């Protein structure tokens, strides 16, 4: 019988194994990685927003 894990369960299992069974360390590592990823997404969104604003300010909307 094959056991299928959800994506979240597979990720949790990978963190748990990487932490050698220490559930607290696995949780902290997963949250740390998620916060790093979130920070990167926020940085990219802010950068994209600045680039879009510059395009409008210079009348470079692509519709000219």
PDB file of N, CA and C in Angstrom:
ATOM      1  N   UNK A   1       0.843  -1.180   0.000  1.00  0.00           N
ATOM      2  CA  UNK A   1       0.000   0.000   0.000  1.00  0.00           C
ATOM      3  C   UNK A   1       0.888   1.244   0.000  1.00  0.00           C
ATOM      4  N   UNK A   2       0.574   2.154  -0.896  1.00  0.00           N
ATOM      5  CA  UNK A   2       1.347   3.389  -1.021  1.00  0.00           C
ATOM      6  C   UNK A   2       0.677   4.495  -0.215  1.00  0.00           C
ATOM      7  N   UNK A   3       1.482   5.189   0.572  1.00  0.00           N
ATOM      8  CA  UNK A   3       0.965   6.302   1.366  1.00  0.00           C
ATOM      9  C   UNK A   3       1.294   7.597   0.631  1.00  0.00           C
ATOM     10  N   UNK A   4       0.275   8.384   0.374  1.00  0.00           N
ATOM     11  CA  UNK A   4       0.473   9.663  -0.311  1.00  0.00           C
ATOM     12  C   UNK A   4       0.353  10.798   0.698  1.00  0.00           C
ATOM     13  N   UNK A   5       1.335  11.667   0.671  1.00  0.00           N
ATOM     14  CA  UNK A   5       1.343  12.818   1.570  1.00  0.00           C
ATOM     15  C   UNK A   5       0.910  14.058   0.809  1.00  0.00           C
ATOM     16  N   UNK A   6       0.273  14.961   1.520  1.00  0.00           N
ATOM     17  CA  UNK A   6       0.001  16.263   0.915  1.00  0.00           C
ATOM     18  C   UNK A   6       1.335  16.991   0.777  1.00  0.00           C
ATOM     19  N   UNK A   7       1.334  18.056   0.016  1.00  0.00           N
ATOM     20  CA  UNK A   7       2.563  18.837  -0.142  1.00  0.00           C
ATOM     21  C   UNK A   7       3.040  19.366   1.209  1.00  0.00           C
ATOM     22  N   UNK A   8       2.111  19.846   2.018  1.00  0.00           N
ATOM     23  CA  UNK A   8       2.471  20.365   3.345  1.00  0.00           C
ATOM     24  C   UNK A   8       3.064  19.273   4.223  1.00  0.00           C
ATOM     25  N   UNK A   9       2.485  18.084   4.162  1.00  0.00           N
ATOM     26  CA  UNK A   9       2.995  16.972   4.962  1.00  0.00           C
ATOM     27  C   UNK A   9       4.390  16.558   4.497  1.00  0.00           C
ATOM     28  N   UNK A  10       4.613  16.550   3.201  1.00  0.00           N
ATOM     29  CA  UNK A  10       5.925  16.185   2.668  1.00  0.00           C
ATOM     30  C   UNK A  10       6.989  17.195   3.096  1.00  0.00           C
ATOM     31  N   UNK A  11       6.629  18.464   3.073  1.00  0.00           N
ATOM     32  CA  UNK A  11       7.564  19.506   3.503  1.00  0.00           C
ATOM     33  C   UNK A  11       7.844  19.374   4.994  1.00  0.00           C
ATOM     34  N   UNK A  12       6.792  19.165   5.785  1.00  0.00           N
ATOM     35  CA  UNK A  12       6.959  19.002   7.227  1.00  0.00           C
ATOM     36  C   UNK A  12       7.846  17.802   7.538  1.00  0.00           C
ATOM     37  N   UNK A  13       7.633  16.709   6.827  1.00  0.00           N
ATOM     38  CA  UNK A  13       8.449  15.514   7.025  1.00  0.00           C
ATOM     39  C   UNK A  13       9.908  15.780   6.679  1.00  0.00           C
ATOM     40  N   UNK A  14      10.140  16.512   5.612  1.00  0.00           N
ATOM     41  CA  UNK A  14      11.516  16.835   5.222  1.00  0.00           C
ATOM     42  C   UNK A  14      12.212  17.680   6.297  1.00  0.00           C
ATOM     43  N   UNK A  15      11.502  18.663   6.835  1.00  0.00           N
ATOM     44  CA  UNK A  15      12.081  19.480   7.912  1.00  0.00           C
ATOM     45  C   UNK A  15      12.316  18.636   9.161  1.00  0.00           C
ATOM     46  N   UNK A  16      11.383  17.762   9.480  1.00  0.00           N
ATOM     47  CA  UNK A  16      11.506  16.898  10.656  1.00  0.00           C
ATOM     48  C   UNK A  16      12.716  15.980  10.518  1.00  0.00           C
ATOM     49  N   UNK A  17      12.886  15.417   9.347  1.00  0.00           N
ATOM     50  CA  UNK A  17      14.047  14.544   9.105  1.00  0.00           C
ATOM     51  C   UNK A  17      15.350  15.332   9.164  1.00  0.00           C
ATOM     52  N   UNK A  18      15.349  16.532   8.565  1.00  0.00           N
ATOM     53  CA  UNK A  18      16.559  17.363   8.579  1.00  0.00           C
ATOM     54  C   UNK A  18      16.949  17.757   9.999  1.00  0.00           C
ATOM     55  N   UNK A  19      15.942  17.886  10.858  1.00  0.00           N
ATOM     56  CA  UNK A  19      16.191  18.246  12.258  1.00  0.00           C
ATOM     57  C   UNK A  19      16.412  17.004  13.121  1.00  0.00           C
ATOM     58  N   UNK A  20      16.579  15.863  12.467  1.00  0.00           N
ATOM     59  CA  UNK A  20      16.826  14.581  13.151  1.00  0.00           C
ATOM     60  C   UNK A  20      15.780  14.274  14.218  1.00  0.00           C
ATOM     61  N   UNK A  21      14.517  14.541  13.855  1.00  0.00           N
ATOM     62  CA  UNK A  21      13.429  14.190  14.749  1.00  0.00           C
ATOM     63  C   UNK A  21      13.082  15.221  15.797  1.00  0.00           C
ATOM     64  N   UNK A  22      13.796  16.320  15.835  1.00  0.00           N
ATOM     65  CA  UNK A  22      13.519  17.379  16.813  1.00  0.00           C
ATOM     66  C   UNK A  22      12.415  18.277  16.240  1.00  0.00           C
ATOM     67  N   UNK A  23      11.199  18.074  16.713  1.00  0.00           N
ATOM     68  CA  UNK A  23      10.043  18.781  16.161  1.00  0.00           C
ATOM     69  C   UNK A  23      10.158  20.298  16.321  1.00  0.00           C
ATOM     70  N   UNK A  24      10.653  20.748  17.472  1.00  0.00           N
ATOM     71  CA  UNK A  24      10.789  22.198  17.690  1.00  0.00           C
ATOM     72  C   UNK A  24      11.777  22.809  16.708  1.00  0.00           C
ATOM     73  N   UNK A  25      12.915  22.185  16.526  1.00  0.00           N
ATOM     74  CA  UNK A  25      13.915  22.693  15.575  1.00  0.00           C
ATOM     75  C   UNK A  25      13.367  22.685  14.154  1.00  0.00           C
ATOM     76  N   UNK A  26      12.605  21.650  13.818  1.00  0.00           N
ATOM     77  CA  UNK A  26      12.007  21.574  12.482  1.00  0.00           C
ATOM     78  C   UNK A  26      11.022  22.719  12.273  1.00  0.00           C
ATOM     79  N   UNK A  27      10.204  22.992  13.280  1.00  0.00           N
ATOM     80  CA  UNK A  27       9.235  24.080  13.187  1.00  0.00           C
ATOM     81  C   UNK A  27       9.928  25.429  13.042  1.00  0.00           C
ATOM     82  N   UNK A  28      10.938  25.656  13.854  1.00  0.00           N
ATOM     83  CA  UNK A  28      11.669  26.926  13.797  1.00  0.00           C
ATOM     84  C   UNK A  28      12.339  27.086  12.430  1.00  0.00           C
ATOM     85  N   UNK A  29      12.933  26.028  11.901  1.00  0.00           N
ATOM     86  CA  UNK A  29      13.582  26.093  10.589  1.00  0.00           C
ATOM     87  C   UNK A  29      12.568  26.392   9.493  1.00  0.00           C
ATOM     88  N   UNK A  30      11.406  25.743   9.548  1.00  0.00           N
ATOM     89  CA  UNK A  30      10.372  25.973   8.535  1.00  0.00           C
ATOM     90  C   UNK A  30       9.868  27.416   8.580  1.00  0.00           C
ATOM     91  N   UNK A  31       9.655  27.932   9.780  1.00  0.00           N
ATOM     92  CA  UNK A  31       9.178  29.314   9.916  1.00  0.00           C
ATOM     93  C   UNK A  31      10.253  30.291   9.468  1.00  0.00           C
ATOM     94  N   UNK A  32      11.496  30.025   9.823  1.00  0.00           N
ATOM     95  CA  UNK A  32      12.601  30.889   9.402  1.00  0.00           C
ATOM     96  C   UNK A  32      12.677  30.952   7.880  1.00  0.00           C
ATOM     97  N   UNK A  33      12.614  29.793   7.236  1.00  0.00           N
ATOM     98  CA  UNK A  33      12.651  29.759   5.765  1.00  0.00           C
ATOM     99  C   UNK A  33      11.461  30.489   5.158  1.00  0.00           C
ATOM    100  N   UNK A  34      10.273  30.319   5.744  1.00  0.00           N
ATOM    101  CA  UNK A  34       9.079  30.993   5.233  1.00  0.00           C
ATOM    102  C   UNK A  34       9.214  32.508   5.356  1.00  0.00           C
ATOM    103  N   UNK A  35       9.763  32.974   6.484  1.00  0.00           N
ATOM    104  CA  UNK A  35       9.941  34.414   6.668  1.00  0.00           C
ATOM    105  C   UNK A  35      10.977  34.980   5.702  1.00  0.00           C
ATOM    106  N   UNK A  36      12.021  34.230   5.436  1.00  0.00           N
ATOM    107  CA  UNK A  36      13.029  34.662   4.453  1.00  0.00           C
ATOM    108  C   UNK A  36      12.383  34.773   3.079  1.00  0.00           C
ATOM    109  N   UNK A  37      11.601  33.758   2.704  1.00  0.00           N
ATOM    110  CA  UNK A  37      10.917  33.785   1.404  1.00  0.00           C
ATOM    111  C   UNK A  37       9.931  34.944   1.322  1.00  0.00           C
ATOM    112  N   UNK A  38       9.183  35.184   2.391  1.00  0.00           N
ATOM    113  CA  UNK A  38       8.230  36.289   2.417  1.00  0.00           C
ATOM    114  C   UNK A  38       8.950  37.624   2.263  1.00  0.00           C
ATOM    115  N   UNK A  39      10.057  37.776   2.946  1.00  0.00           N
ATOM    116  CA  UNK A  39      10.843  39.010   2.824  1.00  0.00           C
ATOM    117  C   UNK A  39      11.317  39.236   1.403  1.00  0.00           C
ATOM    118  N   UNK A  40      11.730  38.176   0.739  1.00  0.00           N
ATOM    119  CA  UNK A  40      12.185  38.279  -0.648  1.00  0.00           C
ATOM    120  C   UNK A  40      11.033  38.662  -1.570  1.00  0.00           C
ATOM    121  N   UNK A  41       9.874  38.072  -1.360  1.00  0.00           N
ATOM    122  CA  UNK A  41       8.697  38.414  -2.166  1.00  0.00           C
ATOM    123  C   UNK A  41       8.325  39.881  -1.960  1.00  0.00           C
ATOM    124  N   UNK A  42       8.357  40.335  -0.724  1.00  0.00           N
ATOM    125  CA  UNK A  42       8.034  41.738  -0.439  1.00  0.00           C
ATOM    126  C   UNK A  42       9.049  42.673  -1.082  1.00  0.00           C
ATOM    127  N   UNK A  43      10.318  42.297  -1.037  1.00  0.00           N
ATOM    128  CA  UNK A  43      11.366  43.121  -1.660  1.00  0.00           C
ATOM    129  C   UNK A  43      11.140  43.214  -3.164  1.00  0.00           C
ATOM    130  N   UNK A  44      10.848  42.085  -3.801  1.00  0.00           N
ATOM    131  CA  UNK A  44      10.619  42.072  -5.253  1.00  0.00           C
ATOM    132  C   UNK A  44       9.376  42.873  -5.626  1.00  0.00           C
ATOM    133  N   UNK A  45       8.323  42.767  -4.824  1.00  0.00           N
ATOM    134  CA  UNK A  45       7.091  43.511  -5.104  1.00  0.00           C
ATOM    135  C   UNK A  45       7.345  45.011  -4.999  1.00  0.00           C
ATOM    136  N   UNK A  46       8.096  45.420  -3.993  1.00  0.00           N
ATOM    137  CA  UNK A  46       8.426  46.839  -3.830  1.00  0.00           C
ATOM    138  C   UNK A  46       9.267  47.334  -5.002  1.00  0.00           C
ATOM    139  N   UNK A  47      10.227  46.520  -5.421  1.00  0.00           N
ATOM    140  CA  UNK A  47      11.078  46.890  -6.549  1.00  0.00           C
ATOM    141  C   UNK A  47      10.244  47.001  -7.823  1.00  0.00           C
ATOM    142  N   UNK A  48       9.343  46.055  -8.035  1.00  0.00           N
ATOM    143  CA  UNK A  48       8.489  46.097  -9.209  1.00  0.00           C
ATOM    144  C   UNK A  48       7.592  47.333  -9.172  1.00  0.00           C
ATOM    145  N   UNK A  49       7.082  47.658  -8.006  1.00  0.00           N
ATOM    146  CA  UNK A  49       6.250  48.848  -7.860  1.00  0.00           C
ATOM    147  C   UNK A  49       7.000  50.116  -8.214  1.00  0.00           C
ATOM    148  N   UNK A  50       8.262  50.184  -7.797  1.00  0.00           N
ATOM    149  CA  UNK A  50       9.080  51.358  -8.129  1.00  0.00           C
ATOM    150  C   UNK A  50       9.313  51.436  -9.633  1.00  0.00           C
ATOM    151  N   UNK A  51       9.576  50.294 -10.265  1.00  0.00           N
ATOM    152  CA  UNK A  51       9.811  50.296 -11.710  1.00  0.00           C
ATOM    153  C   UNK A  51       8.550  50.696 -12.473  1.00  0.00           C
ATOM    154  N   UNK A  52       7.398  50.228 -12.028  1.00  0.00           N
ATOM    155  CA  UNK A  52       6.137  50.597 -12.673  1.00  0.00           C
ATOM    156  C   UNK A  52       5.877  52.088 -12.509  1.00  0.00           C
ATOM    157  N   UNK A  53       6.123  52.618 -11.312  1.00  0.00           N
ATOM    158  CA  UNK A  53       5.922  54.042 -11.065  1.00  0.00           C
ATOM    159  C   UNK A  53       6.817  54.882 -11.954  1.00  0.00           C
ATOM    160  N   UNK A  54       8.059  54.466 -12.119  1.00  0.00           N
ATOM    161  CA  UNK A  54       8.980  55.207 -12.993  1.00  0.00           C
ATOM    162  C   UNK A  54       8.489  55.178 -14.427  1.00  0.00           C
ATOM    163  N   UNK A  55       7.957  54.063 -14.857  1.00  0.00           N
ATOM    164  CA  UNK A  55       7.446  53.954 -16.226  1.00  0.00           C
ATOM    165  C   UNK A  55       6.296  54.906 -16.472  1.00  0.00           C
ATOM    166  N   UNK A  56       5.391  55.000 -15.517  1.00  0.00           N
ATOM    167  CA  UNK A  56       4.270  55.930 -15.660  1.00  0.00           C
ATOM    168  C   UNK A  56       4.764  57.366 -15.614  1.00  0.00           C
ATOM    169  N   UNK A  57       5.710  57.660 -14.747  1.00  0.00           N
ATOM    170  CA  UNK A  57       6.226  59.021 -14.612  1.00  0.00           C
ATOM    171  C   UNK A  57       6.926  59.465 -15.893  1.00  0.00           C
ATOM    172  N   UNK A  58       7.488  58.520 -16.604  1.00  0.00           N
ATOM    173  CA  UNK A  58       8.205  58.835 -17.856  1.00  0.00           C
ATOM    174  C   UNK A  58       7.324  58.589 -19.085  1.00  0.00           C
ATOM    175  N   UNK A  59       6.049  58.348 -18.854  1.00  0.00           N
ATOM    176  CA  UNK A  59       5.084  58.088 -19.933  1.00  0.00           C
ATOM    177  C   UNK A  59       5.486  56.873 -20.750  1.00  0.00           C
ATOM    178  N   UNK A  60       6.012  55.870 -20.096  1.00  0.00           N
ATOM    179  CA  UNK A  60       6.416  54.645 -20.774  1.00  0.00           C
ATOM    180  C   UNK A  60       5.501  53.504 -20.336  1.00  0.00           C
ATOM    181  N   UNK A  61       4.249  53.638 -20.632  1.00  0.00           N
ATOM    182  CA  UNK A  61       3.282  52.634 -20.216  1.00  0.00           C
ATOM    183  C   UNK A  61       3.132  51.522 -21.238  1.00  0.00           C
ATOM    184  N   UNK A  62       3.759  51.681 -22.394  1.00  0.00           N
ATOM    185  CA  UNK A  62       3.652  50.666 -23.430  1.00  0.00           C
ATOM    186  C   UNK A  62       2.454  50.881 -24.329  1.00  0.00           C
ATOM    187  N   UNK A  63       1.687  51.931 -24.086  1.00  0.00           N
ATOM    188  CA  UNK A  63       0.508  52.194 -24.910  1.00  0.00           C
ATOM    189  C   UNK A  63       0.753  53.288 -25.917  1.00  0.00           C
ATOM    190  N   UNK A  64       1.939  53.864 -25.943  1.00  0.00           N
ATOM    191  CA  UNK A  64       2.250  54.960 -26.865  1.00  0.00           C
ATOM    192  C   UNK A  64       2.732  54.448 -28.184  1.00  0.00           C
TER     193      UNK A  64
END
